[in-house]
PDB file of N, CA and C in Angstrom:
ATOM      1  N   MET A   1     -14.536 -12.756   5.026  1.00  0.00           N
ATOM      2  CA  MET A   1     -14.178 -12.617   3.624  1.00  0.00           C
ATOM      3  C   MET A   1     -12.854 -11.852   3.523  1.00  0.00           C
ATOM      4  N   GLU A   2     -11.927 -12.366   2.725  1.00  0.00           N
ATOM      5  CA  GLU A   2     -10.630 -11.734   2.556  1.00  0.00           C
ATOM      6  C   GLU A   2     -10.676 -10.756   1.380  1.00  0.00           C
ATOM      7  N   HIS A   3     -10.149  -9.557   1.597  1.00  0.00           N
ATOM      8  CA  HIS A   3     -10.099  -8.546   0.544  1.00  0.00           C
ATOM      9  C   HIS A   3      -8.648  -8.234   0.229  1.00  0.00           C
ATOM     10  N   VAL A   4      -8.311  -8.223  -1.051  1.00  0.00           N
ATOM     11  CA  VAL A   4      -6.969  -7.877  -1.489  1.00  0.00           C
ATOM     12  C   VAL A   4      -7.087  -6.833  -2.590  1.00  0.00           C
ATOM     13  N   LEU A   5      -6.327  -5.757  -2.452  1.00  0.00           N
ATOM     14  CA  LEU A   5      -6.260  -4.723  -3.474  1.00  0.00           C
ATOM     15  C   LEU A   5      -4.972  -4.945  -4.257  1.00  0.00           C
ATOM     16  N   HIS A   6      -5.079  -5.210  -5.566  1.00  0.00           N
ATOM     17  CA  HIS A   6      -3.924  -5.438  -6.431  1.00  0.00           C
ATOM     18  C   HIS A   6      -3.527  -4.092  -7.044  1.00  0.00           C
ATOM     19  N   LEU A   7      -2.293  -3.687  -6.831  1.00  0.00           N
ATOM     20  CA  LEU A   7      -1.812  -2.392  -7.311  1.00  0.00           C
ATOM     21  C   LEU A   7      -0.640  -2.578  -8.263  1.00  0.00           C
ATOM     22  N   THR A   8      -0.607  -1.771  -9.296  1.00  0.00           N
ATOM     23  CA  THR A   8       0.560  -1.685 -10.171  1.00  0.00           C
ATOM     24  C   THR A   8       0.996  -0.233 -10.192  1.00  0.00           C
ATOM     25  N   LEU A   9       2.201   0.020  -9.703  1.00  0.00           N
ATOM     26  CA  LEU A   9       2.740   1.381  -9.683  1.00  0.00           C
ATOM     27  C   LEU A   9       3.763   1.537 -10.798  1.00  0.00           C
ATOM     28  N   GLN A  10       3.710   2.662 -11.461  1.00  0.00           N
ATOM     29  CA  GLN A  10       4.681   3.010 -12.489  1.00  0.00           C
ATOM     30  C   GLN A  10       5.703   3.958 -11.866  1.00  0.00           C
ATOM     31  N   ARG A  11       6.869   3.985 -12.431  1.00  0.00           N
ATOM     32  CA  ARG A  11       7.936   4.874 -11.950  1.00  0.00           C
ATOM     33  C   ARG A  11       7.392   6.300 -11.817  1.00  0.00           C
ATOM     34  N   GLN A  12       7.680   6.952 -10.712  1.00  0.00           N
ATOM     35  CA  GLN A  12       7.330   8.338 -10.399  1.00  0.00           C
ATOM     36  C   GLN A  12       5.854   8.526 -10.056  1.00  0.00           C
ATOM     37  N   GLU A  13       5.116   7.448  -9.791  1.00  0.00           N
ATOM     38  CA  GLU A  13       3.752   7.584  -9.296  1.00  0.00           C
ATOM     39  C   GLU A  13       3.763   7.529  -7.776  1.00  0.00           C
ATOM     40  N   LEU A  14       2.873   8.281  -7.179  1.00  0.00           N
ATOM     41  CA  LEU A  14       2.707   8.295  -5.728  1.00  0.00           C
ATOM     42  C   LEU A  14       1.246   8.005  -5.433  1.00  0.00           C
ATOM     43  N   LEU A  15       1.007   7.023  -4.578  1.00  0.00           N
ATOM     44  CA  LEU A  15      -0.342   6.665  -4.164  1.00  0.00           C
ATOM     45  C   LEU A  15      -0.455   6.936  -2.672  1.00  0.00           C
ATOM     46  N   VAL A  16      -1.516   7.647  -2.280  1.00  0.00           N
ATOM     47  CA  VAL A  16      -1.747   7.975  -0.878  1.00  0.00           C
ATOM     48  C   VAL A  16      -3.056   7.316  -0.454  1.00  0.00           C
ATOM     49  N   LEU A  17      -2.996   6.490   0.612  1.00  0.00           N
ATOM     50  CA  LEU A  17      -4.172   5.802   1.147  1.00  0.00           C
ATOM     51  C   LEU A  17      -4.311   6.115   2.627  1.00  0.00           C
ATOM     52  N   GLN A  18      -5.531   6.249   3.086  1.00  0.00           N
ATOM     53  CA  GLN A  18      -5.801   6.348   4.517  1.00  0.00           C
ATOM     54  C   GLN A  18      -6.342   4.983   4.934  1.00  0.00           C
ATOM     55  N   LEU A  19      -5.533   4.196   5.645  1.00  0.00           N
ATOM     56  CA  LEU A  19      -5.956   2.867   6.072  1.00  0.00           C
ATOM     57  C   LEU A  19      -6.852   2.991   7.300  1.00  0.00           C
ATOM     58  N   VAL A  20      -8.022   2.389   7.231  1.00  0.00           N
ATOM     59  CA  VAL A  20      -8.978   2.470   8.332  1.00  0.00           C
ATOM     60  C   VAL A  20      -8.912   1.236   9.223  1.00  0.00           C
ATOM     61  N   ARG A  21      -8.088   0.260   8.839  1.00  0.00           N
ATOM     62  CA  ARG A  21      -7.812  -0.897   9.684  1.00  0.00           C
ATOM     63  C   ARG A  21      -6.428  -1.412   9.329  1.00  0.00           C
ATOM     64  N   PRO A  22      -5.796  -2.170  10.234  1.00  0.00           N
ATOM     65  CA  PRO A  22      -4.453  -2.686   9.949  1.00  0.00           C
ATOM     66  C   PRO A  22      -4.470  -3.587   8.717  1.00  0.00           C
ATOM     67  N   GLY A  23      -3.313  -3.728   8.103  1.00  0.00           N
ATOM     68  CA  GLY A  23      -3.221  -4.553   6.918  1.00  0.00           C
ATOM     69  C   GLY A  23      -1.821  -5.070   6.698  1.00  0.00           C
ATOM     70  N   GLN A  24      -1.632  -5.637   5.529  1.00  0.00           N
ATOM     71  CA  GLN A  24      -0.343  -6.184   5.128  1.00  0.00           C
ATOM     72  C   GLN A  24      -0.120  -5.839   3.671  1.00  0.00           C
ATOM     73  N   VAL A  25       1.106  -5.509   3.321  1.00  0.00           N
ATOM     74  CA  VAL A  25       1.452  -5.245   1.928  1.00  0.00           C
ATOM     75  C   VAL A  25       2.549  -6.216   1.519  1.00  0.00           C
ATOM     76  N   ARG A  26       2.424  -6.745   0.313  1.00  0.00           N
ATOM     77  CA  ARG A  26       3.420  -7.678  -0.223  1.00  0.00           C
ATOM     78  C   ARG A  26       3.847  -7.175  -1.603  1.00  0.00           C
ATOM     79  N   ALA A  27       5.154  -7.062  -1.804  1.00  0.00           N
ATOM     80  CA  ALA A  27       5.686  -6.677  -3.111  1.00  0.00           C
ATOM     81  C   ALA A  27       5.757  -7.924  -3.988  1.00  0.00           C
ATOM     82  N   LEU A  28       5.084  -7.898  -5.114  1.00  0.00           N
ATOM     83  CA  LEU A  28       5.101  -9.022  -6.047  1.00  0.00           C
ATOM     84  C   LEU A  28       6.213  -8.868  -7.081  1.00  0.00           C
ATOM     85  N   SER A  29       6.539  -7.619  -7.404  1.00  0.00           N
ATOM     86  CA  SER A  29       7.625  -7.344  -8.353  1.00  0.00           C
ATOM     87  C   SER A  29       8.145  -5.939  -8.099  1.00  0.00           C
ATOM     88  N   GLY A  30       9.348  -5.677  -8.567  1.00  0.00           N
ATOM     89  CA  GLY A  30       9.925  -4.334  -8.468  1.00  0.00           C
ATOM     90  C   GLY A  30      10.428  -3.978  -7.085  1.00  0.00           C
ATOM     91  N   ALA A  31      10.615  -2.680  -6.876  1.00  0.00           N
ATOM     92  CA  ALA A  31      11.069  -2.120  -5.598  1.00  0.00           C
ATOM     93  C   ALA A  31      10.140  -0.974  -5.228  1.00  0.00           C
ATOM     94  N   HIS A  32       9.826  -0.877  -3.926  1.00  0.00           N
ATOM     95  CA  HIS A  32       8.831   0.083  -3.471  1.00  0.00           C
ATOM     96  C   HIS A  32       9.280   0.759  -2.190  1.00  0.00           C
ATOM     97  N   TRP A  33       8.921   2.018  -2.055  1.00  0.00           N
ATOM     98  CA  TRP A  33       9.160   2.801  -0.842  1.00  0.00           C
ATOM     99  C   TRP A  33       7.805   3.139  -0.257  1.00  0.00           C
ATOM    100  N   LEU A  34       7.634   2.866   1.040  1.00  0.00           N
ATOM    101  CA  LEU A  34       6.389   3.139   1.739  1.00  0.00           C
ATOM    102  C   LEU A  34       6.678   4.006   2.942  1.00  0.00           C
ATOM    103  N   THR A  35       5.759   4.867   3.271  1.00  0.00           N
ATOM    104  CA  THR A  35       5.795   5.595   4.533  1.00  0.00           C
ATOM    105  C   THR A  35       4.422   5.431   5.161  1.00  0.00           C
ATOM    106  N   ILE A  36       4.403   4.952   6.417  1.00  0.00           N
ATOM    107  CA  ILE A  36       3.159   4.818   7.154  1.00  0.00           C
ATOM    108  C   ILE A  36       3.352   5.520   8.494  1.00  0.00           C
ATOM    109  N   ASN A  37       2.563   6.544   8.722  1.00  0.00           N
ATOM    110  CA  ASN A  37       2.639   7.329   9.965  1.00  0.00           C
ATOM    111  C   ASN A  37       4.063   7.790  10.254  1.00  0.00           C
ATOM    112  N   GLY A  38       4.805   8.179   9.199  1.00  0.00           N
ATOM    113  CA  GLY A  38       6.152   8.707   9.364  1.00  0.00           C
ATOM    114  C   GLY A  38       7.260   7.672   9.381  1.00  0.00           C
ATOM    115  N   GLU A  39       6.938   6.377   9.325  1.00  0.00           N
ATOM    116  CA  GLU A  39       7.947   5.314   9.311  1.00  0.00           C
ATOM    117  C   GLU A  39       8.187   4.862   7.875  1.00  0.00           C
ATOM    118  N   ASP A  40       9.458   4.862   7.438  1.00  0.00           N
ATOM    119  CA  ASP A  40       9.817   4.459   6.081  1.00  0.00           C
ATOM    120  C   ASP A  40      10.091   2.963   6.009  1.00  0.00           C
ATOM    121  N   ILE A  41       9.619   2.345   4.923  1.00  0.00           N
ATOM    122  CA  ILE A  41       9.812   0.916   4.673  1.00  0.00           C
ATOM    123  C   ILE A  41      10.171   0.754   3.200  1.00  0.00           C
ATOM    124  N   CYS A  42      11.199  -0.042   2.906  1.00  0.00           N
ATOM    125  CA  CYS A  42      11.536  -0.390   1.528  1.00  0.00           C
ATOM    126  C   CYS A  42      11.231  -1.862   1.322  1.00  0.00           C
ATOM    127  N   LEU A  43      10.545  -2.180   0.238  1.00  0.00           N
ATOM    128  CA  LEU A  43      10.197  -3.565  -0.091  1.00  0.00           C
ATOM    129  C   LEU A  43      10.649  -3.892  -1.500  1.00  0.00           C
ATOM    130  N   ARG A  44      11.202  -5.091  -1.656  1.00  0.00           N
ATOM    131  CA  ARG A  44      11.531  -5.640  -2.970  1.00  0.00           C
ATOM    132  C   ARG A  44      10.661  -6.872  -3.196  1.00  0.00           C
ATOM    133  N   ALA A  45      10.645  -7.362  -4.410  1.00  0.00           N
ATOM    134  CA  ALA A  45       9.810  -8.515  -4.769  1.00  0.00           C
ATOM    135  C   ALA A  45       9.952  -9.639  -3.746  1.00  0.00           C
ATOM    136  N   GLY A  46       8.811 -10.144  -3.271  1.00  0.00           N
ATOM    137  CA  GLY A  46       8.793 -11.233  -2.314  1.00  0.00           C
ATOM    138  C   GLY A  46       8.765 -10.806  -0.861  1.00  0.00           C
ATOM    139  N   GLU A  47       9.021  -9.534  -0.575  1.00  0.00           N
ATOM    140  CA  GLU A  47       9.020  -9.044   0.802  1.00  0.00           C
ATOM    141  C   GLU A  47       7.637  -8.512   1.169  1.00  0.00           C
ATOM    142  N   GLN A  48       7.358  -8.481   2.474  1.00  0.00           N
ATOM    143  CA  GLN A  48       6.083  -7.973   2.951  1.00  0.00           C
ATOM    144  C   GLN A  48       6.275  -7.211   4.246  1.00  0.00           C
ATOM    145  N   ALA A  49       5.258  -6.427   4.609  1.00  0.00           N
ATOM    146  CA  ALA A  49       5.292  -5.650   5.849  1.00  0.00           C
ATOM    147  C   ALA A  49       3.882  -5.551   6.411  1.00  0.00           C
ATOM    148  N   GLN A  50       3.797  -5.507   7.729  1.00  0.00           N
ATOM    149  CA  GLN A  50       2.536  -5.270   8.417  1.00  0.00           C
ATOM    150  C   GLN A  50       2.307  -3.761   8.473  1.00  0.00           C
ATOM    151  N   LEU A  51       1.065  -3.340   8.320  1.00  0.00           N
ATOM    152  CA  LEU A  51       0.734  -1.922   8.293  1.00  0.00           C
ATOM    153  C   LEU A  51      -0.293  -1.598   9.371  1.00  0.00           C
ATOM    154  N   PRO A  52      -0.033  -0.574  10.176  1.00  0.00           N
ATOM    155  CA  PRO A  52      -1.022  -0.131  11.153  1.00  0.00           C
ATOM    156  C   PRO A  52      -2.042   0.786  10.482  1.00  0.00           C
ATOM    157  N   VAL A  53      -3.054   1.155  11.216  1.00  0.00           N
ATOM    158  CA  VAL A  53      -4.015   2.168  10.756  1.00  0.00           C
ATOM    159  C   VAL A  53      -3.257   3.476  10.580  1.00  0.00           C
ATOM    160  N   GLY A  54      -3.556   4.222   9.518  1.00  0.00           N
ATOM    161  CA  GLY A  54      -2.926   5.519   9.323  1.00  0.00           C
ATOM    162  C   GLY A  54      -2.767   5.875   7.865  1.00  0.00           C
ATOM    163  N   LYS A  55      -2.041   6.947   7.629  1.00  0.00           N
ATOM    164  CA  LYS A  55      -1.799   7.457   6.280  1.00  0.00           C
ATOM    165  C   LYS A  55      -0.622   6.715   5.662  1.00  0.00           C
ATOM    166  N   LEU A  56      -0.859   6.093   4.499  1.00  0.00           N
ATOM    167  CA  LEU A  56       0.151   5.306   3.804  1.00  0.00           C
ATOM    168  C   LEU A  56       0.498   5.967   2.482  1.00  0.00           C
ATOM    169  N   LEU A  57       1.784   6.208   2.260  1.00  0.00           N
ATOM    170  CA  LEU A  57       2.285   6.710   0.985  1.00  0.00           C
ATOM    171  C   LEU A  57       3.060   5.589   0.322  1.00  0.00           C
ATOM    172  N   LEU A  58       2.769   5.315  -0.950  1.00  0.00           N
ATOM    173  CA  LEU A  58       3.416   4.258  -1.719  1.00  0.00           C
ATOM    174  C   LEU A  58       4.063   4.845  -2.961  1.00  0.00           C
ATOM    175  N   GLU A  59       5.314   4.481  -3.189  1.00  0.00           N
ATOM    176  CA  GLU A  59       6.021   4.845  -4.415  1.00  0.00           C
ATOM    177  C   GLU A  59       6.776   3.625  -4.886  1.00  0.00           C
ATOM    178  N   GLY A  60       7.120   3.586  -6.140  1.00  0.00           N
ATOM    179  CA  GLY A  60       7.935   2.489  -6.636  1.00  0.00           C
ATOM    180  C   GLY A  60       7.621   2.175  -8.071  1.00  0.00           C
ATOM    181  N   ASP A  61       8.032   0.982  -8.466  1.00  0.00           N
ATOM    182  CA  ASP A  61       7.833   0.528  -9.829  1.00  0.00           C
ATOM    183  C   ASP A  61       7.615  -0.969  -9.767  1.00  0.00           C
ATOM    184  N   GLY A  62       6.368  -1.417  -9.965  1.00  0.00           N
ATOM    185  CA  GLY A  62       6.068  -2.835  -9.910  1.00  0.00           C
ATOM    186  C   GLY A  62       4.696  -3.084  -9.320  1.00  0.00           C
ATOM    187  N   ARG A  63       4.470  -4.342  -8.923  1.00  0.00           N
ATOM    188  CA  ARG A  63       3.160  -4.741  -8.427  1.00  0.00           C
ATOM    189  C   ARG A  63       3.186  -5.012  -6.922  1.00  0.00           C
ATOM    190  N   LEU A  64       2.079  -4.668  -6.267  1.00  0.00           N
ATOM    191  CA  LEU A  64       1.885  -4.869  -4.834  1.00  0.00           C
ATOM    192  C   LEU A  64       0.504  -5.441  -4.585  1.00  0.00           C
ATOM    193  N   ASP A  65       0.374  -6.209  -3.510  1.00  0.00           N
ATOM    194  CA  ASP A  65      -0.930  -6.608  -2.995  1.00  0.00           C
ATOM    195  C   ASP A  65      -1.090  -5.985  -1.618  1.00  0.00           C
ATOM    196  N   LEU A  66      -2.202  -5.335  -1.394  1.00  0.00           N
ATOM    197  CA  LEU A  66      -2.531  -4.729  -0.109  1.00  0.00           C
ATOM    198  C   LEU A  66      -3.731  -5.486   0.446  1.00  0.00           C
ATOM    199  N   GLN A  67      -3.547  -6.088   1.618  1.00  0.00           N
ATOM    200  CA  GLN A  67      -4.586  -6.921   2.207  1.00  0.00           C
ATOM    201  C   GLN A  67      -4.962  -6.382   3.576  1.00  0.00           C
ATOM    202  N   GLY A  68      -6.270  -6.223   3.794  1.00  0.00           N
ATOM    203  CA  GLY A  68      -6.754  -5.830   5.104  1.00  0.00           C
ATOM    204  C   GLY A  68      -6.775  -7.025   6.028  1.00  0.00           C
ATOM    205  N   LEU A  69      -6.404  -6.823   7.304  1.00  0.00           N
ATOM    206  CA  LEU A  69      -6.455  -7.911   8.268  1.00  0.00           C
ATOM    207  C   LEU A  69      -7.900  -8.191   8.639  1.00  0.00           C
ATOM    208  N   SER A  70      -8.140  -9.368   9.160  1.00  0.00           N
ATOM    209  CA  SER A  70      -9.494  -9.816   9.479  1.00  0.00           C
ATOM    210  C   SER A  70     -10.251  -8.788  10.298  1.00  0.00           C
ATOM    211  N   ALA A  71     -11.436  -8.505   9.835  1.00  0.00           N
ATOM    212  CA  ALA A  71     -12.356  -7.594  10.523  1.00  0.00           C
ATOM    213  C   ALA A  71     -13.750  -7.963  10.067  1.00  0.00           C
ATOM    214  N   PRO A  72     -14.759  -7.607  10.831  1.00  0.00           N
ATOM    215  CA  PRO A  72     -16.117  -7.902  10.382  1.00  0.00           C
ATOM    216  C   PRO A  72     -16.378  -7.260   9.021  1.00  0.00           C
ATOM    217  N   THR A  73     -17.026  -8.001   8.140  1.00  0.00           N
ATOM    218  CA  THR A  73     -17.355  -7.469   6.824  1.00  0.00           C
ATOM    219  C   THR A  73     -18.467  -6.435   6.970  1.00  0.00           C
ATOM    220  N   PRO A  74     -18.254  -5.227   6.445  1.00  0.00           N
ATOM    221  CA  PRO A  74     -19.284  -4.196   6.530  1.00  0.00           C
ATOM    222  C   PRO A  74     -20.554  -4.632   5.807  1.00  0.00           C
ATOM    223  N   GLN A  75     -21.666  -4.034   6.165  1.00  0.00           N
ATOM    224  CA  GLN A  75     -22.927  -4.338   5.500  1.00  0.00           C
ATOM    225  C   GLN A  75     -22.765  -4.089   4.006  1.00  0.00           C
ATOM    226  N   GLY A  76     -23.202  -5.039   3.216  1.00  0.00           N
ATOM    227  CA  GLY A  76     -23.061  -4.912   1.763  1.00  0.00           C
ATOM    228  C   GLY A  76     -21.765  -5.507   1.254  1.00  0.00           C
ATOM    229  N   GLY A  77     -20.859  -5.925   2.156  1.00  0.00           N
ATOM    230  CA  GLY A  77     -19.618  -6.578   1.757  1.00  0.00           C
ATOM    231  C   GLY A  77     -18.577  -5.661   1.155  1.00  0.00           C
ATOM    232  N   ALA A  78     -18.719  -4.353   1.288  1.00  0.00           N
ATOM    233  CA  ALA A  78     -17.760  -3.417   0.693  1.00  0.00           C
ATOM    234  C   ALA A  78     -16.481  -3.346   1.530  1.00  0.00           C
ATOM    235  N   LEU A  79     -15.344  -3.235   0.881  1.00  0.00           N
ATOM    236  CA  LEU A  79     -14.058  -3.056   1.546  1.00  0.00           C
ATOM    237  C   LEU A  79     -13.873  -1.574   1.817  1.00  0.00           C
ATOM    238  N   GLN A  80     -13.695  -1.225   3.085  1.00  0.00           N
ATOM    239  CA  GLN A  80     -13.528   0.177   3.451  1.00  0.00           C
ATOM    240  C   GLN A  80     -12.051   0.527   3.444  1.00  0.00           C
ATOM    241  N   LEU A  81     -11.616   1.252   2.431  1.00  0.00           N
ATOM    242  CA  LEU A  81     -10.230   1.671   2.327  1.00  0.00           C
ATOM    243  C   LEU A  81     -10.025   3.089   2.820  1.00  0.00           C
ATOM    244  N   GLY A  82     -11.072   3.844   2.938  1.00  0.00           N
ATOM    245  CA  GLY A  82     -10.903   5.238   3.317  1.00  0.00           C
ATOM    246  C   GLY A  82     -10.638   6.098   2.098  1.00  0.00           C
ATOM    247  N   PHE A  83     -10.131   7.276   2.322  1.00  0.00           N
ATOM    248  CA  PHE A  83      -9.858   8.236   1.265  1.00  0.00           C
ATOM    249  C   PHE A  83      -8.685   7.778   0.410  1.00  0.00           C
ATOM    250  N   ILE A  84      -8.843   7.818  -0.897  1.00  0.00           N
ATOM    251  CA  ILE A  84      -7.771   7.442  -1.810  1.00  0.00           C
ATOM    252  C   ILE A  84      -7.478   8.619  -2.727  1.00  0.00           C
ATOM    253  N   SER A  85      -6.215   8.961  -2.839  1.00  0.00           N
ATOM    254  CA  SER A  85      -5.788  10.042  -3.710  1.00  0.00           C
ATOM    255  C   SER A  85      -4.589   9.568  -4.515  1.00  0.00           C
ATOM    256  N   VAL A  86      -4.601   9.798  -5.806  1.00  0.00           N
ATOM    257  CA  VAL A  86      -3.497   9.394  -6.660  1.00  0.00           C
ATOM    258  C   VAL A  86      -2.951  10.633  -7.359  1.00  0.00           C
ATOM    259  N   ARG A  87      -1.632  10.748  -7.389  1.00  0.00           N
ATOM    260  CA  ARG A  87      -1.025  11.864  -8.120  1.00  0.00           C
ATOM    261  C   ARG A  87       0.334  11.418  -8.639  1.00  0.00           C
ATOM    262  N   ASN A  88       0.798  12.079  -9.656  1.00  0.00           N
ATOM    263  CA  ASN A  88       2.138  11.837 -10.184  1.00  0.00           C
ATOM    264  C   ASN A  88       3.055  12.918  -9.646  1.00  0.00           C
ATOM    265  N   GLU A  89       4.262  12.511  -9.329  1.00  0.00           N
ATOM    266  CA  GLU A  89       5.233  13.451  -8.777  1.00  0.00           C
ATOM    267  C   GLU A  89       6.614  13.038  -9.271  1.00  0.00           C
ATOM    268  N   GLN A  90       7.447  13.986  -9.601  1.00  0.00           N
ATOM    269  CA  GLN A  90       8.799  13.705 -10.070  1.00  0.00           C
ATOM    270  C   GLN A  90       9.692  13.441  -8.862  1.00  0.00           C
ATOM    271  N   ARG A  91       9.907  12.160  -8.546  1.00  0.00           N
ATOM    272  CA  ARG A  91      10.776  11.776  -7.431  1.00  0.00           C
ATOM    273  C   ARG A  91      11.514  10.509  -7.804  1.00  0.00           C
ATOM    274  N   GLU A  92      12.696  10.383  -7.305  1.00  0.00           N
ATOM    275  CA  GLU A  92      13.471   9.163  -7.473  1.00  0.00           C
ATOM    276  C   GLU A  92      13.308   8.331  -6.209  1.00  0.00           C
ATOM    277  N   VAL A  93      13.093   7.040  -6.360  1.00  0.00           N
ATOM    278  CA  VAL A  93      12.931   6.135  -5.239  1.00  0.00           C
ATOM    279  C   VAL A  93      14.226   5.377  -5.047  1.00  0.00           C
ATOM    280  N   SER A  94      14.754   5.391  -3.824  1.00  0.00           N
ATOM    281  CA  SER A  94      15.983   4.684  -3.516  1.00  0.00           C
ATOM    282  C   SER A  94      15.740   3.713  -2.378  1.00  0.00           C
ATOM    283  N   CYS A  95      15.851   2.430  -2.665  1.00  0.00           N
ATOM    284  CA  CYS A  95      15.694   1.376  -1.651  1.00  0.00           C
ATOM    285  C   CYS A  95      16.993   0.591  -1.584  1.00  0.00           C
ATOM    286  N   ASN A  96      18.030   1.234  -1.139  1.00  0.00           N
ATOM    287  CA  ASN A  96      19.344   0.565  -1.062  1.00  0.00           C
ATOM    288  C   ASN A  96      19.450  -0.310   0.139  1.00  0.00           C
TER     289      ASN A  96
END
């Protein structure tokens, strides 16, 4: 079973996820800055990146899809995303 998390980020929002399995992120609109295990990635609409297991920080303005790579479906069919924390922070995102 394929699981996709649809995200909409507003300017100056920061989303922190602990990925418990590898995944893929695709920018559907806007521009986004990601950091995964200390590696910075900038994505614009239509771009995507592979994500390893680890701590993921997402910032930007627009929509993203986060998809977990194939893994056995846990009992009950729940998608295990790990710890999720959302906070607002005053930061400017630059994806030049």
